[in-house]
Protein backbone atom coordinates (compact mmCIF):
# COMPACT_ATOMS: atom_id res chain seq x y z
CA MET A 1 -9.78 -26.24 -73.92
CA HIS A 2 -10.32 -22.54 -73.36
CA LYS A 3 -13.53 -23.32 -71.55
CA LYS A 4 -11.72 -25.58 -69.02
CA ILE A 5 -9.08 -22.88 -68.34
CA TYR A 6 -11.84 -20.33 -67.67
CA ILE A 7 -13.56 -22.73 -65.27
CA VAL A 8 -10.26 -23.39 -63.43
CA PHE A 9 -9.54 -19.62 -63.19
CA ILE A 10 -13.07 -18.90 -61.99
CA ALA A 11 -12.81 -21.72 -59.41
CA MET A 12 -9.41 -20.41 -58.27
CA PHE A 13 -10.83 -16.87 -58.06
CA PHE A 14 -13.72 -18.06 -55.83
CA VAL A 15 -11.35 -20.10 -53.65
CA PHE A 16 -9.04 -17.07 -53.35
CA CYS A 17 -12.00 -14.80 -52.46
CA PHE A 18 -13.25 -17.34 -49.92
CA LEU A 19 -9.80 -17.63 -48.30
CA LEU A 20 -9.43 -13.84 -48.26
CA ILE A 21 -12.82 -13.36 -46.59
CA ALA A 22 -12.11 -16.19 -44.11
CA GLY A 23 -8.72 -14.62 -43.25
CA VAL A 24 -10.28 -11.20 -42.68
CA TRP A 25 -13.02 -12.76 -40.55
CA TRP A 26 -10.46 -14.65 -38.41
CA SER A 27 -8.25 -11.55 -38.07
CA LEU A 28 -11.20 -9.45 -36.90
CA GLY A 29 -12.03 -12.10 -34.28
CA GLU A 30 -8.42 -12.12 -33.03
CA LEU A 31 -8.35 -8.31 -33.01
CA ARG A 32 -11.57 -8.23 -30.98
CA ALA A 33 -10.11 -10.70 -28.44
CA TYR A 34 -6.90 -8.67 -28.14
CA ARG A 35 -8.91 -5.48 -27.69
CA GLU A 36 -10.94 -7.04 -24.84
CA GLU A 37 -7.75 -8.22 -23.15
CA TYR A 38 -6.19 -4.77 -23.60
CA ASP A 39 -9.26 -3.08 -22.07
CA LEU A 40 -9.13 -5.47 -19.10
CA LEU A 41 -5.42 -4.84 -18.53
CA GLU A 42 -5.91 -1.08 -18.89
CA SER A 43 -8.68 -1.07 -16.28
CA GLU A 44 -6.46 -3.12 -13.92
CA ARG A 45 -3.59 -0.66 -14.48
CA LEU A 46 -5.80 2.32 -13.70
CA SER A 47 -7.13 0.59 -10.61
CA SER A 48 -3.60 -0.20 -9.44
CA GLU A 49 -2.46 3.38 -10.07
CA LYS A 50 -5.42 4.72 -8.09
CA MET A 51 -4.68 2.34 -5.22
CA MET A 52 -0.99 3.33 -5.20
CA GLU A 53 -1.96 7.01 -5.27
CA ASN A 54 -4.24 6.44 -2.27
CA MET A 55 -1.45 4.63 -0.43
CA GLU A 56 1.03 7.43 -1.20
CA ASN A 57 -1.44 9.93 0.21
CA LYS A 58 -1.52 7.95 3.47
CA ASN A 59 2.24 8.27 4.00
CA VAL A 60 2.67 10.94 6.62
CA ASP A 61 5.74 13.08 7.26
CA LEU A 62 5.63 14.64 10.69
CA SER A 63 9.22 15.89 10.72
CA ASN A 64 8.09 19.53 10.58
CA VAL A 65 5.52 19.13 13.38
CA THR A 66 6.85 20.11 16.78
CA GLY A 67 5.33 18.70 19.92
CA LEU A 68 2.30 16.66 18.98
CA ASN A 69 1.26 16.28 22.63
CA ILE A 70 2.63 19.48 24.04
CA ASP A 71 -0.40 19.93 26.33
CA ASN A 72 0.67 16.91 28.42
CA SER A 73 2.97 18.52 30.96
CA GLY A 74 4.17 15.42 32.82
CA ASN A 75 7.42 13.66 32.07
CA ALA A 76 7.94 9.91 32.07
CA ARG A 77 9.76 8.77 35.20
CA ASP A 78 12.05 6.47 33.25
CA ALA A 79 12.39 4.52 30.01
CA VAL A 80 10.66 1.47 31.50
CA GLU A 81 7.45 3.43 32.13
CA PHE A 82 7.60 4.90 28.62
CA TYR A 83 8.20 1.50 26.95
CA ALA A 84 5.54 -0.23 29.05
CA TYR A 85 2.89 2.35 28.21
CA VAL A 86 3.70 2.21 24.49
CA ARG A 87 3.59 -1.60 24.48
CA GLN A 88 0.30 -1.67 26.44
CA VAL A 89 -1.40 0.64 23.93
CA ILE A 90 -0.22 -1.57 21.05
CA GLU A 91 -1.52 -4.73 22.74
CA ASP A 92 -4.85 -3.10 23.61
CA ASN A 93 -5.46 -2.36 19.90
CA ASP A 94 -4.50 -5.88 18.68
CA ILE A 95 -1.55 -4.66 16.64
CA GLU A 96 1.42 -6.91 15.92
CA LEU A 97 4.63 -5.41 17.25
CA VAL A 98 7.26 -6.53 14.73
CA SER A 99 10.18 -4.78 16.43
CA MET A 100 10.78 -2.30 19.23
CA GLN A 101 14.22 -0.74 19.60
CA SER A 102 15.42 2.12 21.71
CA ASP A 103 17.91 4.60 20.34
CA PRO A 104 21.37 3.71 21.70
CA THR A 105 22.27 7.37 22.25
CA THR A 106 19.17 8.34 24.22
CA GLU A 107 16.45 6.43 26.04
CA ASN A 108 13.63 8.78 25.10
CA LEU A 109 13.54 7.74 21.41
CA LEU A 110 11.80 4.52 20.49
CA GLN A 111 11.79 2.96 17.00
CA LEU A 112 8.79 0.72 16.31
CA GLN A 113 7.71 -1.54 13.45
CA LEU A 114 3.98 -2.26 13.60
CA GLN A 115 1.67 -4.41 11.49
CA GLY A 116 -2.11 -4.38 11.53
CA SER A 117 -5.16 -2.78 10.00
CA TYR A 118 -4.84 0.87 9.05
CA TYR A 119 -7.64 1.96 11.38
CA ALA A 120 -6.28 0.01 14.37
CA ILE A 121 -2.86 1.63 13.89
CA ALA A 122 -4.56 5.04 13.69
CA HIS A 123 -6.24 4.24 17.04
CA VAL A 124 -2.79 3.47 18.49
CA PHE A 125 -1.61 6.94 17.47
CA ALA A 126 -4.71 8.50 19.03
CA ASP A 127 -4.13 6.56 22.27
CA TRP A 128 -0.49 7.66 22.36
CA ARG A 129 -1.75 11.24 22.36
CA LEU A 130 -3.47 10.46 25.66
CA MET A 131 -0.26 9.31 27.36
CA PRO A 132 0.15 10.79 30.86
CA PHE A 133 3.43 12.39 29.80
CA ALA A 134 4.60 14.60 26.96
CA SER A 135 5.44 12.72 23.76
CA ARG A 136 5.57 13.21 20.02
CA ILE A 137 5.92 11.21 16.84
CA ASN A 138 9.20 12.17 15.16
CA SER A 139 8.62 10.21 11.98
CA LEU A 140 5.94 7.99 10.57
CA ASN A 141 5.81 5.88 7.42
CA ILE A 142 2.80 3.71 6.55
CA LYS A 143 2.87 1.25 3.65
CA ARG A 144 0.37 -1.33 2.48
CA ASP A 145 1.37 -4.94 3.15
CA ASN A 146 1.28 -6.48 -0.35
CA GLU A 147 1.66 -10.02 1.01
CA SER A 148 -1.45 -9.77 3.16
CA PRO A 149 -4.83 -10.60 1.59
CA THR A 150 -6.56 -8.11 3.92
CA SER A 151 -6.09 -4.37 4.36
CA PHE A 152 -3.06 -4.68 6.62
CA VAL A 153 -0.36 -2.02 6.65
CA ASN A 154 3.19 -1.84 7.94
CA ALA A 155 4.07 1.24 9.97
CA SER A 156 7.51 2.51 10.94
CA VAL A 157 7.31 4.95 13.84
CA VAL A 158 9.89 6.91 15.83
CA LEU A 159 8.30 8.00 19.12
CA GLU A 160 9.87 10.45 21.56
CA ALA A 161 8.97 11.14 25.19
CA LEU A 162 10.20 13.66 27.76
CA MET A 163 11.98 11.93 30.63
CA GLU A 164 12.54 13.20 34.15
CA ALA A 165 16.10 14.22 34.86
CA GLN A 166 17.94 11.44 36.69
């Protein structure tokens, strides 16, 4: 009888050891899978942070800059000439003009919402510098368009031009 009890205990001991080893083996596999997923998520987080940091660096504040195009001495004859020139430059660079509003208090301020590639919008700013009359960018905010699969950005611009006295 004692011999059967020893055999049962030994069998239970081996079954317990087998289950313990199998449990440790399974836990290590799960831990390895979680670690791989964590590493993937961490690399995506770092990539996203770097991309956001790059986008934050592209936001430009020109409120302390006075007279971007001060070397252009001519004044726009009227608001129509100013608006037409601004719109023509936007169309020439294949930029989508989302909205274009003049300031109700003065005709020489123009608020624009643009959408397009970052480099095309930068070309618009460069072309505005070549306007035949004095102008400046009062404020500029560029943000990445998260809904677009390409490298499109949204730009909010307040543009000011000198008008001839009426």
